[in-house]
Amino acid sequence: METVKTVSERSVTVVPAPRKKRKWTVDHWLAAAFLTPSVVLIFIFVYGFIGWTGYVSLSNWNSLVPDLSFAGLKNYIYLFHDFRFQADLRNTLVFTILFIGVVIVLGQLLAILLDQKLRGESIFRNIFFFPMALSFVVTGVVWQWLLNPSTGVNLFLKKFGLDSKWYTDTTILGGFHLGNIEFGVPVAIVAVVIAAVWQMTGFAVAMYLAGLRAIPEEVREAARMDGATELQIYRKIIIPLLRPITVSVIIIMAHISLKIFDLIYAMTGPGANFVTDVPGVYMFETTFRGNYYANGAAIAMIMLLSVAIFIVPYLISSRKGGS
């Protein structure tokens, strides 16, 4: 009778070979020489100035005479008890929600329409993209005239018995008192949202159109063979596939809305009772007109943190997804 011998497997530890140290060549030194000035300038004029702004925000420098003595969080506490800054936070929140929501909905709808291979598609595409070539200052001036209560669109609306105060309206819809302000939707901010949506919807259209063109036609054909209608294809297949683009649009539009300044400054300014005021405008007037440098620096740091809340998690998730 033959004896079968079993050989137990031994665990083998694989020791990686030592990495060879890469020697820097002339190309490496040239690349470093070209990049070093940019890195140094970014470190000084971006991160250095951010650090300086944070330091000033904790000081008592609220006059023309520099006073960098430590004040702690006094300037931040003052701002969150200030009526104007509370109104700014309300306006920014309302503007951001309306702006992002309308841009996403219009961007998707217009991109889907352009994706239907319409005749004259290039003409419509240029019309949608044209506002992006303008600056927010130009947009603000144009829409200030169009929505002026005594000119522009109102001249046409008055023929039908309609009249609107647009950005001069101080009404707060659904208002209830929260802190020192009436929290709700300022009617005047809707005029600013219209102008901002008109300018930035083209960007969302471009993003969504690129996403739609990247989806293989076989996906739609397979869904049609399974009996899905066109509405079901877009609702259950196409739009979910565009989710990464939607996230990108939200991040970019949030970044724009949270630091908006030029559009509102050119179009409405702070507005009556600060119904169209935002932190960017308040920071400019506080720092360069009121000479309250510490308070202005505190507003700038709050704006930076609000933008970072959106940007940093997105960058972290993108880095993890890429790795």
Protein backbone atom coordinates (compact mmCIF):
# COMPACT_ATOMS: atom_id res chain seq x y z
CA MET A 1 0.00 0.00 0.00
CA GLU A 2 1.57 3.27 -1.08
CA THR A 3 1.97 6.06 1.44
CA VAL A 4 1.03 9.53 0.20
CA LYS A 5 3.15 12.21 1.75
CA THR A 6 1.67 15.70 2.10
CA VAL A 7 4.01 18.61 2.04
CA SER A 8 2.89 21.55 4.13
CA GLU A 9 3.14 24.87 2.38
CA ARG A 10 5.57 27.27 3.93
CA SER A 11 4.79 30.97 3.94
CA VAL A 12 7.36 32.78 1.92
CA THR A 13 8.15 36.36 2.82
CA VAL A 14 8.96 38.40 -0.23
CA VAL A 15 11.48 41.09 0.49
CA PRO A 16 11.23 43.93 -2.02
CA ALA A 17 14.41 44.87 -3.74
CA PRO A 18 15.92 48.09 -2.49
CA ARG A 19 14.95 51.04 -4.64
CA LYS A 20 17.69 52.67 -6.53
CA LYS A 21 18.19 56.29 -5.72
CA ARG A 22 17.33 58.39 -8.70
CA LYS A 23 19.99 60.79 -9.70
CA TRP A 24 18.87 64.23 -10.66
CA THR A 25 19.63 65.02 -14.25
CA VAL A 26 19.87 68.37 -15.96
CA ASP A 27 16.17 68.13 -16.90
CA HIS A 28 15.20 67.69 -13.25
CA TRP A 29 17.21 70.74 -12.20
CA LEU A 30 15.74 72.81 -15.03
CA ALA A 31 12.19 71.79 -14.03
CA ALA A 32 12.90 72.69 -10.41
CA ALA A 33 14.36 76.03 -11.47
CA PHE A 34 11.25 76.88 -13.47
CA LEU A 35 8.81 75.77 -10.73
CA THR A 36 10.56 77.28 -7.71
CA PRO A 37 9.65 80.95 -8.41
CA SER A 38 5.98 80.02 -8.86
CA VAL A 39 5.95 77.97 -5.67
CA VAL A 40 7.63 80.77 -3.70
CA LEU A 41 5.25 83.43 -5.08
CA ILE A 42 2.18 81.27 -4.35
CA PHE A 43 3.43 80.63 -0.82
CA ILE A 44 3.93 84.36 -0.23
CA PHE A 45 1.02 85.95 -2.05
CA VAL A 46 -1.61 83.27 -1.32
CA TYR A 47 -0.85 81.38 1.87
CA GLY A 48 1.23 84.19 3.35
CA PHE A 49 -1.54 86.74 2.85
CA ILE A 50 -4.16 84.32 4.17
CA GLY A 51 -2.07 83.96 7.31
CA TRP A 52 -1.64 87.73 7.57
CA THR A 53 -5.40 88.28 7.14
CA GLY A 54 -6.09 85.77 9.90
CA TYR A 55 -3.59 87.51 12.17
CA VAL A 56 -5.14 90.94 11.50
CA SER A 57 -8.63 89.55 12.21
CA LEU A 58 -7.48 88.76 15.76
CA SER A 59 -6.09 92.24 16.36
CA ASN A 60 -7.42 95.67 17.34
CA TRP A 61 -6.56 97.34 14.02
CA ASN A 62 -9.81 99.23 13.38
CA SER A 63 -8.44 102.63 12.41
CA LEU A 64 -5.89 104.18 10.06
CA VAL A 65 -3.26 103.73 12.77
CA PRO A 66 -2.07 100.08 12.83
CA ASP A 67 -2.77 98.34 16.12
CA LEU A 68 -1.79 94.68 16.00
CA SER A 69 -2.35 94.02 19.70
CA PHE A 70 -4.15 90.73 20.31
CA ALA A 71 -7.96 91.05 20.56
CA GLY A 72 -8.95 87.39 20.49
CA LEU A 73 -12.30 86.64 18.91
CA LYS A 74 -13.73 90.09 19.64
CA ASN A 75 -14.13 91.00 15.96
CA TYR A 76 -15.88 87.71 15.14
CA ILE A 77 -18.25 88.06 18.10
CA TYR A 78 -19.08 91.59 17.00
CA LEU A 79 -19.90 90.44 13.47
CA PHE A 80 -22.27 87.65 14.51
CA HIS A 81 -24.19 90.16 16.66
CA ASP A 82 -24.23 92.78 13.89
CA PHE A 83 -27.55 93.33 12.08
CA ARG A 84 -25.89 93.86 8.68
CA PHE A 85 -23.73 90.75 8.87
CA GLN A 86 -26.69 88.61 9.93
CA ALA A 87 -28.59 89.98 6.93
CA ASP A 88 -25.58 89.14 4.74
CA LEU A 89 -25.60 85.53 5.92
CA ARG A 90 -29.34 85.27 5.19
CA ASN A 91 -28.92 86.77 1.72
CA THR A 92 -25.95 84.54 0.91
CA LEU A 93 -27.84 81.41 1.96
CA VAL A 94 -30.93 82.32 -0.08
CA PHE A 95 -28.88 83.41 -3.09
CA THR A 96 -26.77 80.23 -3.04
CA ILE A 97 -29.77 77.88 -2.84
CA LEU A 98 -31.75 79.64 -5.59
CA PHE A 99 -28.73 80.19 -7.82
CA ILE A 100 -27.43 76.61 -7.68
CA GLY A 101 -30.90 75.06 -7.99
CA VAL A 102 -31.93 77.08 -11.05
CA VAL A 103 -28.55 76.67 -12.77
CA ILE A 104 -28.64 72.87 -12.36
CA VAL A 105 -32.24 72.52 -13.59
CA LEU A 106 -31.81 74.87 -16.57
CA GLY A 107 -28.38 73.46 -17.40
CA GLN A 108 -29.73 69.91 -17.58
CA LEU A 109 -32.83 70.83 -19.57
CA LEU A 110 -30.97 72.94 -22.13
CA ALA A 111 -28.21 70.33 -22.49
CA ILE A 112 -30.80 67.60 -23.09
CA LEU A 113 -32.48 69.75 -25.73
CA LEU A 114 -29.16 70.40 -27.47
CA ASP A 115 -28.40 66.69 -27.35
CA GLN A 116 -31.41 65.96 -29.57
CA LYS A 117 -29.37 66.85 -32.70
CA LEU A 118 -31.46 69.95 -33.38
CA ARG A 119 -31.01 71.89 -36.58
CA GLY A 120 -28.92 74.97 -35.87
CA GLU A 121 -27.47 73.46 -32.71
CA SER A 122 -24.26 75.49 -33.00
CA ILE A 123 -26.28 78.74 -33.02
CA PHE A 124 -28.15 77.83 -29.84
CA ARG A 125 -24.94 76.63 -28.24
CA ASN A 126 -23.26 79.98 -28.93
CA ILE A 127 -26.28 81.85 -27.57
CA PHE A 128 -26.15 79.88 -24.31
CA PHE A 129 -22.37 80.26 -23.97
CA PHE A 130 -22.16 83.94 -24.88
CA PRO A 131 -22.95 85.36 -21.39
CA MET A 132 -19.93 83.55 -19.99
CA ALA A 133 -17.69 85.84 -22.06
CA LEU A 134 -18.91 88.85 -20.08
CA SER A 135 -17.69 89.94 -16.68
CA PHE A 136 -20.03 90.11 -13.71
CA VAL A 137 -19.62 93.90 -13.71
CA VAL A 138 -21.02 94.16 -17.25
CA THR A 139 -23.82 91.74 -16.36
CA GLY A 140 -24.67 93.79 -13.27
CA VAL A 141 -24.86 97.05 -15.19
CA VAL A 142 -27.01 95.55 -17.97
CA TRP A 143 -29.47 93.85 -15.62
CA GLN A 144 -29.62 96.93 -13.41
CA TRP A 145 -31.09 98.78 -16.37
CA LEU A 146 -33.32 95.90 -17.49
CA LEU A 147 -34.84 95.43 -14.02
CA ASN A 148 -34.98 99.10 -13.09
CA PRO A 149 -38.47 99.80 -11.67
CA SER A 150 -38.92 102.86 -13.91
CA THR A 151 -37.34 101.52 -17.13
CA GLY A 152 -36.46 98.28 -18.85
CA VAL A 153 -38.78 95.31 -18.38
CA ASN A 154 -41.25 97.28 -16.27
CA LEU A 155 -42.19 99.48 -19.24
CA PHE A 156 -43.47 96.33 -20.93
CA LEU A 157 -45.12 94.91 -17.79
CA LYS A 158 -47.02 98.12 -17.09
CA LYS A 159 -48.95 97.65 -20.35
CA PHE A 160 -50.51 94.55 -18.76
CA GLY A 161 -51.14 96.24 -15.42
CA LEU A 162 -48.14 94.55 -13.81
CA ASP A 163 -45.47 96.36 -11.85
CA SER A 164 -42.51 95.20 -9.81
CA LYS A 165 -39.93 96.93 -7.66
CA TRP A 166 -37.37 94.22 -8.45
CA TYR A 167 -34.11 94.86 -6.58
CA THR A 168 -35.56 97.86 -4.68
CA ASP A 169 -38.23 95.71 -2.98
CA THR A 170 -37.63 95.27 0.76
CA THR A 171 -40.28 92.55 1.23
CA ILE A 172 -39.17 89.35 2.98
CA LEU A 173 -41.22 86.31 1.93
CA GLY A 174 -41.98 83.80 4.68
CA GLY A 175 -40.18 86.00 7.14
CA PHE A 176 -39.77 85.24 10.84
CA HIS A 177 -37.51 86.92 13.34
CA LEU A 178 -34.19 85.20 13.97
CA GLY A 179 -31.63 87.15 15.94
CA ASN A 180 -31.72 90.78 14.85
CA ILE A 181 -33.12 90.16 11.39
CA GLU A 182 -36.24 88.92 9.64
CA PHE A 183 -35.22 85.58 8.18
CA GLY A 184 -36.84 84.57 4.90
CA VAL A 185 -36.49 85.11 1.14
CA PRO A 186 -35.82 88.74 0.20
CA VAL A 187 -37.72 89.57 -2.98
CA ALA A 188 -34.88 91.86 -4.10
CA ILE A 189 -32.38 89.00 -4.14
CA VAL A 190 -34.43 87.28 -6.86
CA ALA A 191 -33.38 89.99 -9.33
CA VAL A 192 -29.72 89.26 -8.58
CA VAL A 193 -30.35 85.51 -8.97
CA ILE A 194 -31.86 86.13 -12.44
CA ALA A 195 -28.73 88.01 -13.55
CA ALA A 196 -26.35 85.40 -12.11
CA VAL A 197 -28.29 82.51 -13.64
CA TRP A 198 -28.29 84.22 -17.03
CA GLN A 199 -24.49 84.45 -16.94
CA MET A 200 -23.55 81.04 -15.49
CA THR A 201 -26.13 78.67 -16.97
CA GLY A 202 -23.99 78.34 -20.10
CA PHE A 203 -21.23 76.78 -18.01
CA ALA A 204 -23.62 74.13 -16.67
CA VAL A 205 -24.92 73.49 -20.19
CA ALA A 206 -21.37 72.87 -21.43
CA MET A 207 -20.64 70.48 -18.56
CA TYR A 208 -23.87 68.49 -18.98
CA LEU A 209 -23.63 68.42 -22.77
CA ALA A 210 -20.13 66.96 -22.55
CA GLY A 211 -21.44 64.34 -20.12
CA LEU A 212 -24.37 63.44 -22.37
CA ARG A 213 -22.13 63.05 -25.41
CA ALA A 214 -19.86 60.74 -23.41
CA ILE A 215 -22.68 58.27 -22.64
CA PRO A 216 -22.63 55.44 -25.23
CA GLU A 217 -25.68 55.19 -27.46
CA GLU A 218 -25.77 51.45 -26.73
CA VAL A 219 -26.97 52.23 -23.20
CA ARG A 220 -30.06 53.99 -24.53
CA GLU A 221 -30.70 51.35 -27.17
CA ALA A 222 -30.59 48.59 -24.53
CA ALA A 223 -33.08 50.50 -22.39
CA ARG A 224 -35.41 51.01 -25.37
CA MET A 225 -35.29 47.29 -26.16
CA ASP A 226 -36.36 46.61 -22.57
CA GLY A 227 -39.43 48.79 -23.13
CA ALA A 228 -38.32 51.95 -21.34
CA THR A 229 -39.76 55.24 -22.53
CA GLU A 230 -37.55 58.25 -23.26
CA LEU A 231 -38.65 59.90 -20.01
CA GLN A 232 -37.73 56.77 -18.05
CA ILE A 233 -34.37 56.55 -19.82
CA TYR A 234 -33.45 60.08 -18.76
CA ARG A 235 -34.94 59.80 -15.28
CA LYS A 236 -33.51 56.41 -14.32
CA ILE A 237 -30.37 56.09 -16.46
CA ILE A 238 -29.04 59.29 -18.01
CA ILE A 239 -29.51 61.74 -15.11
CA PRO A 240 -28.03 59.32 -12.51
CA LEU A 241 -25.01 58.86 -14.79
CA LEU A 242 -24.57 62.64 -14.78
CA ARG A 243 -24.33 62.76 -10.99
CA PRO A 244 -20.54 63.42 -10.92
CA ILE A 245 -21.06 66.40 -13.23
CA THR A 246 -23.87 67.66 -11.00
CA VAL A 247 -21.55 67.52 -7.99
CA SER A 248 -18.88 69.46 -9.91
CA VAL A 249 -21.41 72.11 -10.97
CA ILE A 250 -22.64 72.46 -7.38
CA ILE A 251 -19.11 72.94 -6.05
CA ILE A 252 -18.17 75.52 -8.68
CA MET A 253 -21.43 77.46 -8.39
CA ALA A 254 -21.23 77.41 -4.58
CA HIS A 255 -17.70 78.80 -4.79
CA ILE A 256 -18.97 81.64 -6.99
CA SER A 257 -22.04 82.43 -4.91
CA LEU A 258 -20.30 82.43 -1.52
CA LYS A 259 -17.70 84.97 -2.62
CA ILE A 260 -19.92 87.00 -4.97
CA PHE A 261 -19.07 90.70 -4.98
CA ASP A 262 -18.79 92.37 -8.39
CA LEU A 263 -22.26 91.45 -9.69
CA ILE A 264 -24.07 92.75 -6.62
CA TYR A 265 -21.82 95.79 -6.19
CA ALA A 266 -22.43 96.84 -9.82
CA MET A 267 -26.12 95.95 -9.89
CA THR A 268 -27.68 96.83 -6.53
CA GLY A 269 -25.11 97.54 -3.84
CA PRO A 270 -26.18 96.72 -0.28
CA GLY A 271 -29.78 97.65 -1.06
CA ALA A 272 -32.39 99.21 1.20
CA ASN A 273 -32.31 97.59 4.63
CA PHE A 274 -29.44 95.41 3.30
CA VAL A 275 -31.80 93.13 1.35
CA THR A 276 -29.16 92.49 -1.34
CA ASP A 277 -26.03 92.89 0.75
CA VAL A 278 -23.47 90.06 0.93
CA PRO A 279 -20.26 89.54 2.95
CA GLY A 280 -18.07 90.55 -0.02
CA VAL A 281 -19.69 93.98 -0.26
CA TYR A 282 -19.67 94.40 3.52
CA MET A 283 -15.98 93.47 3.67
CA PHE A 284 -15.09 95.99 0.95
CA GLU A 285 -16.95 98.86 2.57
CA THR A 286 -15.77 97.98 6.08
CA THR A 287 -12.12 97.72 5.10
CA PHE A 288 -11.59 100.34 2.42
CA ARG A 289 -14.26 102.89 3.31
CA GLY A 290 -14.64 102.52 7.05
CA ASN A 291 -10.96 101.66 7.73
CA TYR A 292 -12.02 98.87 10.12
CA TYR A 293 -9.26 96.54 8.99
CA ALA A 294 -9.64 93.92 11.71
CA ASN A 295 -13.39 93.63 11.15
CA GLY A 296 -12.85 93.42 7.39
CA ALA A 297 -10.22 90.72 7.85
CA ALA A 298 -12.64 88.77 10.06
CA ILE A 299 -15.30 88.91 7.31
CA ALA A 300 -12.71 87.69 4.79
CA MET A 301 -11.75 84.75 7.00
CA ILE A 302 -15.40 83.77 7.46
CA MET A 303 -15.85 83.86 3.67
CA LEU A 304 -12.76 81.70 3.25
CA LEU A 305 -14.03 79.14 5.74
CA SER A 306 -17.48 79.04 4.11
CA VAL A 307 -15.91 78.31 0.72
CA ALA A 308 -13.57 75.72 2.26
CA ILE A 309 -16.57 73.84 3.68
CA PHE A 310 -17.60 73.06 0.09
CA ILE A 311 -14.22 72.80 -1.61
CA VAL A 312 -12.09 70.79 0.83
CA PRO A 313 -14.41 67.71 1.16
CA TYR A 314 -14.75 67.64 -2.64
CA LEU A 315 -10.98 67.74 -3.12
CA ILE A 316 -10.46 65.00 -0.53
CA SER A 317 -13.07 62.74 -2.11
CA SER A 318 -11.67 63.38 -5.59
CA ARG A 319 -8.18 62.52 -4.39
CA LYS A 320 -9.40 59.27 -2.81
CA GLY A 321 -11.37 58.40 -5.94
CA GLY A 322 -8.35 59.08 -8.13
CA SER A 323 -6.11 56.89 -5.99
